[in-house]
Amino acid sequence: MFDKKQPTTFTLLNGQKVMSEVTGFTGVITARADHLHGCNRYYVLPPVDKDGKLPEGYWMDEAELNVVEEPKISRKNNDRGGFPSSIK
């Protein structure tokens, strides 16, 4: 039976700067995903390179990430924009 009330429990926040203890990769969390048969994963985006180009980010497991710095900004509201939240 499907449990509709099962909460998703993320321990990290979008906007936190994190470092992978496996690879040493450092960046900012820009997205989170919970998987049906796996752990929570986070999309970590590194800073721009010396030429001002944005390098590729990576999905990483929650367990390998350590917080380096708290978020500098936060979401202003919960309106995600676009369809269907734009319909009143």
N, C-alpha and C. Protein backbone atom coordinates (compact mmCIF):
# COMPACT_ATOMS: atom_id res chain seq x y z
N MET A 1 0.84 -1.18 0.00
CA MET A 1 0.00 0.00 0.00
C MET A 1 0.88 1.25 0.00
N PHE A 2 0.53 2.20 -0.80
CA PHE A 2 1.26 3.46 -0.90
C PHE A 2 0.92 4.36 0.28
N ASP A 3 1.92 4.87 0.95
CA ASP A 3 1.73 5.76 2.10
C ASP A 3 1.87 7.21 1.64
N LYS A 4 0.76 7.90 1.44
CA LYS A 4 0.77 9.28 0.96
C LYS A 4 1.30 10.25 2.01
N LYS A 5 1.33 9.84 3.26
CA LYS A 5 1.73 10.75 4.34
C LYS A 5 3.21 10.63 4.71
N GLN A 6 3.95 9.80 4.00
CA GLN A 6 5.36 9.63 4.31
C GLN A 6 6.11 10.93 4.04
N PRO A 7 6.68 11.54 5.07
CA PRO A 7 7.36 12.82 4.87
C PRO A 7 8.74 12.64 4.24
N THR A 8 9.15 13.64 3.48
CA THR A 8 10.51 13.67 2.96
C THR A 8 11.34 14.45 3.97
N THR A 9 12.41 13.87 4.41
CA THR A 9 13.23 14.53 5.42
C THR A 9 14.61 14.84 4.86
N PHE A 10 14.78 16.04 4.36
CA PHE A 10 16.08 16.50 3.89
C PHE A 10 16.82 17.09 5.08
N THR A 11 18.11 16.82 5.19
CA THR A 11 18.89 17.39 6.28
C THR A 11 19.68 18.61 5.84
N LEU A 12 19.77 18.83 4.53
CA LEU A 12 20.50 19.98 3.99
C LEU A 12 19.53 20.91 3.28
N LEU A 13 19.94 22.17 3.13
CA LEU A 13 19.08 23.19 2.55
C LEU A 13 19.61 23.67 1.20
N ASN A 14 18.69 24.03 0.32
CA ASN A 14 19.10 24.71 -0.91
C ASN A 14 19.83 25.99 -0.51
N GLY A 15 20.92 26.28 -1.19
CA GLY A 15 21.69 27.48 -0.90
C GLY A 15 22.90 27.25 0.00
N GLN A 16 22.95 26.10 0.69
CA GLN A 16 24.12 25.82 1.52
C GLN A 16 25.31 25.46 0.65
N LYS A 17 26.50 25.94 1.04
CA LYS A 17 27.73 25.53 0.39
C LYS A 17 28.18 24.25 1.07
N VAL A 18 28.45 23.23 0.28
CA VAL A 18 28.81 21.92 0.81
C VAL A 18 30.07 21.40 0.14
N MET A 19 30.67 20.40 0.79
CA MET A 19 31.82 19.73 0.22
C MET A 19 31.62 18.22 0.33
N SER A 20 31.94 17.51 -0.74
CA SER A 20 31.86 16.05 -0.74
C SER A 20 33.07 15.50 0.00
N GLU A 21 32.82 14.67 1.01
CA GLU A 21 33.94 14.06 1.73
C GLU A 21 34.56 12.93 0.91
N VAL A 22 33.92 12.52 -0.17
CA VAL A 22 34.46 11.47 -1.04
C VAL A 22 35.43 12.06 -2.07
N THR A 23 35.01 13.16 -2.72
CA THR A 23 35.80 13.71 -3.83
C THR A 23 36.46 15.05 -3.52
N GLY A 24 35.98 15.76 -2.49
CA GLY A 24 36.49 17.10 -2.20
C GLY A 24 35.80 18.18 -3.02
N PHE A 25 34.87 17.79 -3.90
CA PHE A 25 34.12 18.73 -4.74
C PHE A 25 33.33 19.68 -3.85
N THR A 26 33.40 20.98 -4.12
CA THR A 26 32.71 21.99 -3.33
C THR A 26 31.80 22.81 -4.22
N GLY A 27 30.60 23.13 -3.70
CA GLY A 27 29.67 23.96 -4.44
C GLY A 27 28.45 24.26 -3.60
N VAL A 28 27.45 24.86 -4.24
CA VAL A 28 26.22 25.27 -3.57
C VAL A 28 25.08 24.36 -4.00
N ILE A 29 24.27 23.93 -3.05
CA ILE A 29 23.10 23.10 -3.35
C ILE A 29 22.06 23.97 -4.05
N THR A 30 21.64 23.56 -5.25
CA THR A 30 20.61 24.31 -5.98
C THR A 30 19.34 23.51 -6.19
N ALA A 31 19.36 22.20 -5.87
CA ALA A 31 18.16 21.36 -6.01
C ALA A 31 18.29 20.14 -5.10
N ARG A 32 17.12 19.58 -4.72
CA ARG A 32 17.10 18.38 -3.90
C ARG A 32 16.13 17.39 -4.52
N ALA A 33 16.43 16.09 -4.34
CA ALA A 33 15.54 15.05 -4.88
C ALA A 33 15.53 13.86 -3.93
N ASP A 34 14.32 13.33 -3.70
CA ASP A 34 14.23 12.08 -2.93
C ASP A 34 13.83 10.99 -3.91
N HIS A 35 14.47 9.85 -3.79
CA HIS A 35 14.27 8.75 -4.73
C HIS A 35 13.46 7.65 -4.07
N LEU A 36 12.70 6.95 -4.87
CA LEU A 36 11.81 5.90 -4.38
C LEU A 36 12.55 4.83 -3.58
N HIS A 37 13.68 4.37 -4.08
CA HIS A 37 14.41 3.30 -3.41
C HIS A 37 15.83 3.71 -3.06
N GLY A 38 16.04 4.96 -2.78
CA GLY A 38 17.40 5.40 -2.48
C GLY A 38 17.42 6.58 -1.54
N CYS A 39 18.59 7.10 -1.34
CA CYS A 39 18.75 8.21 -0.39
C CYS A 39 18.41 9.54 -1.05
N ASN A 40 18.32 10.56 -0.22
CA ASN A 40 18.14 11.92 -0.73
C ASN A 40 19.40 12.31 -1.49
N ARG A 41 19.20 13.04 -2.59
CA ARG A 41 20.33 13.50 -3.39
C ARG A 41 20.20 15.00 -3.61
N TYR A 42 21.35 15.64 -3.80
CA TYR A 42 21.41 17.09 -3.94
C TYR A 42 22.22 17.43 -5.18
N TYR A 43 21.74 18.46 -5.92
CA TYR A 43 22.49 18.95 -7.07
C TYR A 43 23.41 20.05 -6.57
N VAL A 44 24.71 19.84 -6.72
CA VAL A 44 25.72 20.77 -6.21
C VAL A 44 26.38 21.46 -7.40
N LEU A 45 26.30 22.78 -7.40
CA LEU A 45 26.82 23.60 -8.49
C LEU A 45 28.08 24.32 -8.02
N PRO A 46 29.21 24.15 -8.71
CA PRO A 46 30.44 24.83 -8.32
C PRO A 46 30.43 26.29 -8.72
N PRO A 47 31.37 27.08 -8.21
CA PRO A 47 31.45 28.49 -8.63
C PRO A 47 31.91 28.61 -10.09
N VAL A 48 31.72 29.78 -10.66
CA VAL A 48 32.17 30.02 -12.03
C VAL A 48 33.69 29.87 -12.12
N ASP A 49 34.18 29.50 -13.29
CA ASP A 49 35.62 29.34 -13.46
C ASP A 49 36.29 30.69 -13.72
N LYS A 50 37.60 30.67 -13.94
CA LYS A 50 38.35 31.92 -14.12
C LYS A 50 37.91 32.72 -15.34
N ASP A 51 37.25 32.05 -16.31
CA ASP A 51 36.76 32.72 -17.52
C ASP A 51 35.31 33.19 -17.38
N GLY A 52 34.72 32.99 -16.18
CA GLY A 52 33.34 33.40 -15.95
C GLY A 52 32.31 32.41 -16.44
N LYS A 53 32.75 31.21 -16.81
CA LYS A 53 31.83 30.18 -17.28
C LYS A 53 31.40 29.31 -16.10
N LEU A 54 30.14 28.88 -16.14
CA LEU A 54 29.60 28.03 -15.08
C LEU A 54 29.91 26.57 -15.39
N PRO A 55 30.75 25.92 -14.57
CA PRO A 55 31.03 24.50 -14.80
C PRO A 55 29.81 23.65 -14.50
N GLU A 56 29.89 22.39 -14.90
CA GLU A 56 28.79 21.46 -14.69
C GLU A 56 28.68 21.10 -13.20
N GLY A 57 27.43 20.98 -12.73
CA GLY A 57 27.18 20.52 -11.38
C GLY A 57 26.97 19.02 -11.36
N TYR A 58 26.80 18.47 -10.16
CA TYR A 58 26.65 17.03 -10.02
C TYR A 58 25.63 16.69 -8.95
N TRP A 59 24.92 15.57 -9.12
CA TRP A 59 24.04 15.02 -8.10
C TRP A 59 24.88 14.21 -7.13
N MET A 60 24.69 14.44 -5.83
CA MET A 60 25.48 13.75 -4.81
C MET A 60 24.57 13.26 -3.70
N ASP A 61 24.99 12.14 -3.09
CA ASP A 61 24.24 11.57 -1.97
C ASP A 61 24.38 12.45 -0.73
N GLU A 62 23.29 12.51 0.03
CA GLU A 62 23.25 13.31 1.25
C GLU A 62 24.38 12.93 2.22
N ALA A 63 24.64 11.63 2.37
CA ALA A 63 25.59 11.14 3.37
C ALA A 63 27.03 11.59 3.12
N GLU A 64 27.37 11.94 1.87
CA GLU A 64 28.75 12.32 1.58
C GLU A 64 29.01 13.82 1.73
N LEU A 65 27.96 14.62 1.97
CA LEU A 65 28.10 16.07 1.97
C LEU A 65 28.23 16.64 3.37
N ASN A 66 29.16 17.58 3.51
CA ASN A 66 29.34 18.33 4.75
C ASN A 66 29.13 19.81 4.47
N VAL A 67 28.42 20.50 5.36
CA VAL A 67 28.14 21.92 5.18
C VAL A 67 29.42 22.73 5.43
N VAL A 68 29.74 23.61 4.48
CA VAL A 68 30.90 24.48 4.57
C VAL A 68 30.45 25.89 4.97
N GLU A 69 29.27 26.29 4.45
CA GLU A 69 28.78 27.65 4.68
C GLU A 69 27.26 27.65 4.57
N GLU A 70 26.61 28.43 5.42
CA GLU A 70 25.15 28.54 5.38
C GLU A 70 24.71 29.38 4.18
N PRO A 71 23.44 29.27 3.78
CA PRO A 71 22.95 30.02 2.61
C PRO A 71 23.11 31.53 2.78
N LYS A 72 23.47 32.20 1.68
CA LYS A 72 23.59 33.66 1.69
C LYS A 72 22.26 34.32 1.37
N ILE A 73 21.40 33.60 0.64
CA ILE A 73 20.06 34.10 0.31
C ILE A 73 19.05 32.99 0.57
N SER A 74 17.79 33.38 0.68
CA SER A 74 16.74 32.39 0.85
C SER A 74 15.60 32.71 -0.10
N ARG A 75 14.74 31.74 -0.31
CA ARG A 75 13.58 31.95 -1.17
C ARG A 75 12.69 33.00 -0.54
N LYS A 76 12.24 33.95 -1.33
CA LYS A 76 11.41 35.05 -0.82
C LYS A 76 10.02 34.59 -0.41
N ASN A 77 9.45 33.63 -1.17
CA ASN A 77 8.14 33.09 -0.85
C ASN A 77 8.04 31.69 -1.44
N ASN A 78 6.93 31.03 -1.20
CA ASN A 78 6.77 29.66 -1.69
C ASN A 78 6.14 29.58 -3.07
N ASP A 79 5.84 30.72 -3.71
CA ASP A 79 5.29 30.71 -5.05
C ASP A 79 6.41 30.32 -6.01
N ARG A 80 6.29 29.17 -6.63
CA ARG A 80 7.33 28.69 -7.53
C ARG A 80 7.20 29.25 -8.93
N GLY A 81 6.15 30.03 -9.17
CA GLY A 81 5.95 30.64 -10.47
C GLY A 81 5.49 29.62 -11.50
N GLY A 82 5.07 30.11 -12.66
CA GLY A 82 4.66 29.23 -13.74
C GLY A 82 3.38 28.49 -13.44
N PHE A 83 3.01 27.61 -14.31
CA PHE A 83 1.79 26.82 -14.19
C PHE A 83 2.01 25.75 -13.13
N PRO A 84 1.12 25.38 -12.25
CA PRO A 84 -0.20 25.93 -12.04
C PRO A 84 -0.26 27.00 -10.95
N SER A 85 0.90 27.30 -10.30
CA SER A 85 0.87 28.24 -9.19
C SER A 85 0.51 29.65 -9.62
N SER A 86 0.58 29.94 -10.92
CA SER A 86 0.21 31.26 -11.40
C SER A 86 -1.30 31.44 -11.53
N ILE A 87 -2.06 30.33 -11.45
CA ILE A 87 -3.51 30.40 -11.55
C ILE A 87 -4.07 30.72 -10.17
N LYS A 88 -4.88 31.73 -10.08
CA LYS A 88 -5.45 32.15 -8.79
C LYS A 88 -6.89 31.72 -8.68
